[in-house]
C-alpha atoms as a PDB file:
ATOM      1  CA  UNK A   1      -5.591 -18.395 -15.634  1.00  0.00           C
ATOM      2  CA  UNK A   2      -6.059 -16.131 -12.858  1.00  0.00           C
ATOM      3  CA  UNK A   3      -9.115 -16.395 -10.934  1.00  0.00           C
ATOM      4  CA  UNK A   4     -10.555 -13.262  -8.981  1.00  0.00           C
ATOM      5  CA  UNK A   5     -12.509 -13.533  -5.606  1.00  0.00           C
ATOM      6  CA  UNK A   6     -13.935 -10.867  -3.404  1.00  0.00           C
ATOM      7  CA  UNK A   7     -11.832 -11.089  -0.213  1.00  0.00           C
ATOM      8  CA  UNK A   8     -11.093  -8.964   2.783  1.00  0.00           C
ATOM      9  CA  UNK A   9      -7.731  -7.169   2.505  1.00  0.00           C
ATOM     10  CA  UNK A  10      -6.294  -6.424   6.042  1.00  0.00           C
ATOM     11  CA  UNK A  11      -4.063  -3.881   4.701  1.00  0.00           C
ATOM     12  CA  UNK A  12      -6.617  -1.770   2.954  1.00  0.00           C
ATOM     13  CA  UNK A  13      -8.999  -2.701   5.674  1.00  0.00           C
ATOM     14  CA  UNK A  14     -11.949  -3.475   2.970  1.00  0.00           C
ATOM     15  CA  UNK A  15     -13.127  -5.998   0.527  1.00  0.00           C
ATOM     16  CA  UNK A  16     -11.212  -6.001  -2.765  1.00  0.00           C
ATOM     17  CA  UNK A  17     -11.395  -8.301  -5.773  1.00  0.00           C
ATOM     18  CA  UNK A  18      -8.210 -10.400  -5.272  1.00  0.00           C
ATOM     19  CA  UNK A  19      -6.691 -12.344  -8.072  1.00  0.00           C
ATOM     20  CA  UNK A  20      -4.933 -15.577  -7.412  1.00  0.00           C
ATOM     21  CA  UNK A  21      -1.209 -15.897  -8.148  1.00  0.00           C
ATOM     22  CA  UNK A  22      -0.476 -19.138 -10.138  1.00  0.00           C
ATOM     23  CA  UNK A  23       2.854 -20.326 -11.583  1.00  0.00           C
ATOM     24  CA  UNK A  24       3.550 -20.184 -15.497  1.00  0.00           C
ATOM     25  CA  UNK A  25       4.018 -23.868 -15.969  1.00  0.00           C
ATOM     26  CA  UNK A  26       4.757 -23.508 -19.570  1.00  0.00           C
ATOM     27  CA  UNK A  27       7.841 -21.433 -18.726  1.00  0.00           C
ATOM     28  CA  UNK A  28       8.838 -23.831 -15.967  1.00  0.00           C
ATOM     29  CA  UNK A  29       8.504 -26.744 -18.452  1.00  0.00           C
ATOM     30  CA  UNK A  30      10.658 -25.200 -21.114  1.00  0.00           C
ATOM     31  CA  UNK A  31      13.280 -24.265 -18.379  1.00  0.00           C
ATOM     32  CA  UNK A  32      13.244 -27.811 -17.261  1.00  0.00           C
ATOM     33  CA  UNK A  33      14.008 -29.033 -20.664  1.00  0.00           C
ATOM     34  CA  UNK A  34      16.490 -26.590 -21.372  1.00  0.00           C
ATOM     35  CA  UNK A  35      18.429 -27.268 -18.077  1.00  0.00           C
ATOM     36  CA  UNK A  36      18.191 -30.998 -18.464  1.00  0.00           C
ATOM     37  CA  UNK A  37      15.850 -31.309 -15.433  1.00  0.00           C
ATOM     38  CA  UNK A  38      17.667 -29.112 -12.943  1.00  0.00           C
ATOM     39  CA  UNK A  39      14.941 -26.595 -13.131  1.00  0.00           C
ATOM     40  CA  UNK A  40      12.508 -29.142 -11.834  1.00  0.00           C
ATOM     41  CA  UNK A  41      13.530 -28.302  -8.311  1.00  0.00           C
ATOM     42  CA  UNK A  42      12.614 -24.723  -8.622  1.00  0.00           C
ATOM     43  CA  UNK A  43       9.451 -25.624 -10.546  1.00  0.00           C
ATOM     44  CA  UNK A  44       8.623 -27.967  -7.518  1.00  0.00           C
ATOM     45  CA  UNK A  45       8.990 -25.371  -5.092  1.00  0.00           C
ATOM     46  CA  UNK A  46       7.072 -22.686  -7.066  1.00  0.00           C
ATOM     47  CA  UNK A  47       4.173 -25.185  -7.309  1.00  0.00           C
ATOM     48  CA  UNK A  48       4.135 -25.988  -3.550  1.00  0.00           C
ATOM     49  CA  UNK A  49       3.993 -22.232  -2.672  1.00  0.00           C
ATOM     50  CA  UNK A  50       1.136 -21.924  -5.133  1.00  0.00           C
ATOM     51  CA  UNK A  51      -0.905 -24.515  -3.330  1.00  0.00           C
ATOM     52  CA  UNK A  52      -1.006 -21.917  -0.468  1.00  0.00           C
ATOM     53  CA  UNK A  53      -3.434 -20.010  -2.624  1.00  0.00           C
ATOM     54  CA  UNK A  54      -1.920 -16.752  -2.258  1.00  0.00           C
ATOM     55  CA  UNK A  55      -3.691 -13.700  -3.684  1.00  0.00           C
ATOM     56  CA  UNK A  56      -2.603 -10.164  -4.460  1.00  0.00           C
ATOM     57  CA  UNK A  57      -4.663  -7.051  -3.726  1.00  0.00           C
ATOM     58  CA  UNK A  58      -5.067  -4.730  -6.755  1.00  0.00           C
ATOM     59  CA  UNK A  59      -5.214  -1.459  -4.759  1.00  0.00           C
ATOM     60  CA  UNK A  60      -2.355  -1.883  -2.368  1.00  0.00           C
ATOM     61  CA  UNK A  61      -0.495  -4.681  -3.547  1.00  0.00           C
ATOM     62  CA  UNK A  62      -0.443  -6.813  -0.451  1.00  0.00           C
ATOM     63  CA  UNK A  63      -0.156 -10.377  -0.670  1.00  0.00           C
ATOM     64  CA  UNK A  64      -2.273 -12.496   1.809  1.00  0.00           C
ATOM     65  CA  UNK A  65      -4.362 -15.603   2.303  1.00  0.00           C
ATOM     66  CA  UNK A  66      -7.808 -14.127   2.793  1.00  0.00           C
ATOM     67  CA  UNK A  67     -11.130 -15.690   3.286  1.00  0.00           C
ATOM     68  CA  UNK A  68     -13.865 -15.229   0.678  1.00  0.00           C
ATOM     69  CA  UNK A  69     -16.861 -13.117   1.356  1.00  0.00           C
ATOM     70  CA  UNK A  70     -19.558 -15.237   2.818  1.00  0.00           C
ATOM     71  CA  UNK A  71     -17.065 -17.744   4.164  1.00  0.00           C
ATOM     72  CA  UNK A  72     -16.845 -15.980   7.551  1.00  0.00           C
ATOM     73  CA  UNK A  73     -17.518 -18.053  10.681  1.00  0.00           C
ATOM     74  CA  UNK A  74     -20.969 -17.219  12.093  1.00  0.00           C
ATOM     75  CA  UNK A  75     -20.811 -15.772  15.603  1.00  0.00           C
ATOM     76  CA  UNK A  76     -23.715 -17.103  18.049  1.00  0.00           C
ATOM     77  CA  UNK A  77     -25.844 -14.206  19.108  1.00  0.00           C
ATOM     78  CA  UNK A  78     -26.669 -14.132  22.699  1.00  0.00           C
ATOM     79  CA  UNK A  79     -30.159 -15.759  23.329  1.00  0.00           C
ATOM     80  CA  UNK A  80     -32.579 -13.019  24.566  1.00  0.00           C
ATOM     81  CA  UNK A  81     -34.722 -15.729  26.492  1.00  0.00           C
ATOM     82  CA  UNK A  82     -31.861 -16.385  28.733  1.00  0.00           C
ATOM     83  CA  UNK A  83     -31.782 -14.172  31.740  1.00  0.00           C
ATOM     84  CA  UNK A  84     -28.842 -13.814  34.153  1.00  0.00           C
ATOM     85  CA  UNK A  85     -29.959 -14.044  37.771  1.00  0.00           C
END
């Protein structure tokens, strides 16, 4: 299942609908059975990389770990009542 999120792409320099890259567990399970468990090392590595939640930009194909729209840190605005001497 691919999840899509609106994330800022540093390559395109705009917000895009990214899709999350996830491993195909069915394929890896089949390969693990066919190789008598040897493929499980590859499956583990792919699963660990998938935990990083990498996403692929549909416009430029860039792969990045971005922040969702609305998840930006709030920057404090200068207080107008405080005056410098």
